[in-house]
Amino acid sequence: MKFNPKLRKAIYAAVAGIVPLLVLAGFITDEQSQAVMSSVAALLSFLATILAASNTQVNNPQGDFEDAELEDFTVIEIPEIPGQK
């Protein structure tokens, strides 16, 4: 299952709709509802981090940065600030 932004938004919306109903029905307190919302947000953030790590390349497909041509980089000279050395 992919936790893309659309699915995460749907989960947030569902939890945000269900939790207040549980408070109104007396199943959980207001403090517990805040903990539930925070826990769901933390869990989805954790899952997003795991998916990002598993779907990104570790190695540079064009080679190491050591092999890069110097012409590919622009050298910017930093102006000297008077009174500082």
Protein backbone atom coordinates (compact mmCIF):
# COMPACT_ATOMS: atom_id res chain seq x y z
CA MET A 1 0.00 0.00 0.00
CA LYS A 2 1.34 3.43 -0.96
CA PHE A 3 0.76 6.25 1.51
CA ASN A 4 0.69 9.00 -1.09
CA PRO A 5 -0.38 12.54 -0.10
CA LYS A 6 -3.97 11.92 -1.23
CA LEU A 7 -4.33 8.83 0.99
CA ARG A 8 -2.67 10.54 3.97
CA LYS A 9 -5.08 13.48 3.56
CA ALA A 10 -8.03 11.07 3.55
CA ILE A 11 -6.76 9.37 6.72
CA TYR A 12 -6.32 12.73 8.46
CA ALA A 13 -9.84 13.75 7.42
CA ALA A 14 -11.34 10.47 8.64
CA VAL A 15 -9.58 10.66 11.99
CA ALA A 16 -10.44 14.35 12.35
CA GLY A 17 -14.10 13.45 11.77
CA ILE A 18 -14.27 10.33 13.94
CA VAL A 19 -12.36 11.57 16.99
CA PRO A 20 -14.77 14.43 17.83
CA LEU A 21 -17.68 11.99 17.54
CA LEU A 22 -15.98 9.70 20.04
CA VAL A 23 -15.58 12.65 22.42
CA LEU A 24 -19.25 13.64 22.01
CA ALA A 25 -20.36 10.06 22.62
CA GLY A 26 -18.26 9.95 25.79
CA PHE A 27 -15.94 7.15 24.68
CA ILE A 28 -12.80 9.30 25.04
CA THR A 29 -11.97 12.59 26.76
CA ASP A 30 -10.78 15.78 25.09
CA GLU A 31 -7.23 15.13 26.32
CA GLN A 32 -7.32 11.62 24.88
CA SER A 33 -8.56 12.96 21.56
CA GLN A 34 -5.55 15.28 21.35
CA ALA A 35 -3.26 12.33 22.03
CA VAL A 36 -5.00 10.27 19.33
CA MET A 37 -4.64 13.06 16.76
CA SER A 38 -0.96 13.56 17.63
CA SER A 39 -0.29 9.83 17.46
CA VAL A 40 -1.95 9.48 14.05
CA ALA A 41 0.04 12.45 12.71
CA ALA A 42 3.29 11.00 14.08
CA LEU A 43 2.55 7.55 12.65
CA LEU A 44 1.76 8.90 9.18
CA SER A 45 4.90 11.06 9.25
CA PHE A 46 6.96 8.02 10.21
CA LEU A 47 5.43 5.96 7.40
CA ALA A 48 6.10 8.79 4.92
CA THR A 49 9.76 8.85 6.01
CA ILE A 50 10.08 5.08 5.53
CA LEU A 51 8.48 5.29 2.08
CA ALA A 52 10.77 8.16 1.09
CA ALA A 53 13.83 6.21 2.21
CA SER A 54 12.75 3.08 0.36
CA ASN A 55 11.89 4.94 -2.85
CA THR A 56 15.02 7.04 -3.26
CA GLN A 57 18.35 6.00 -4.71
CA VAL A 58 21.36 5.88 -2.44
CA ASN A 59 23.94 5.86 -5.21
CA ASN A 60 24.39 8.64 -7.71
CA PRO A 61 23.45 7.09 -11.09
CA GLN A 62 25.88 9.38 -12.98
CA GLY A 63 28.83 8.46 -10.75
CA ASP A 64 30.51 10.00 -7.77
CA PHE A 65 30.81 13.73 -7.29
CA GLU A 66 34.59 13.34 -7.44
CA ASP A 67 34.27 12.64 -11.17
CA ALA A 68 32.39 15.88 -11.89
CA GLU A 69 33.96 18.34 -14.28
CA LEU A 70 35.07 21.60 -12.73
CA GLU A 71 33.41 23.50 -15.57
CA ASP A 72 30.06 22.38 -14.18
CA PHE A 73 30.46 24.62 -11.12
CA THR A 74 30.27 28.39 -10.84
CA VAL A 75 32.75 30.02 -8.48
CA ILE A 76 31.35 32.98 -6.59
CA GLU A 77 33.77 35.42 -5.05
CA ILE A 78 32.63 36.75 -1.70
CA PRO A 79 33.29 40.47 -1.31
CA GLU A 80 35.47 41.55 1.59
CA ILE A 81 33.66 43.33 4.40
CA PRO A 82 35.56 46.42 5.55
CA GLY A 83 36.91 46.11 9.09
CA GLN A 84 36.81 42.29 9.18
CA LYS A 85 39.62 39.88 8.44
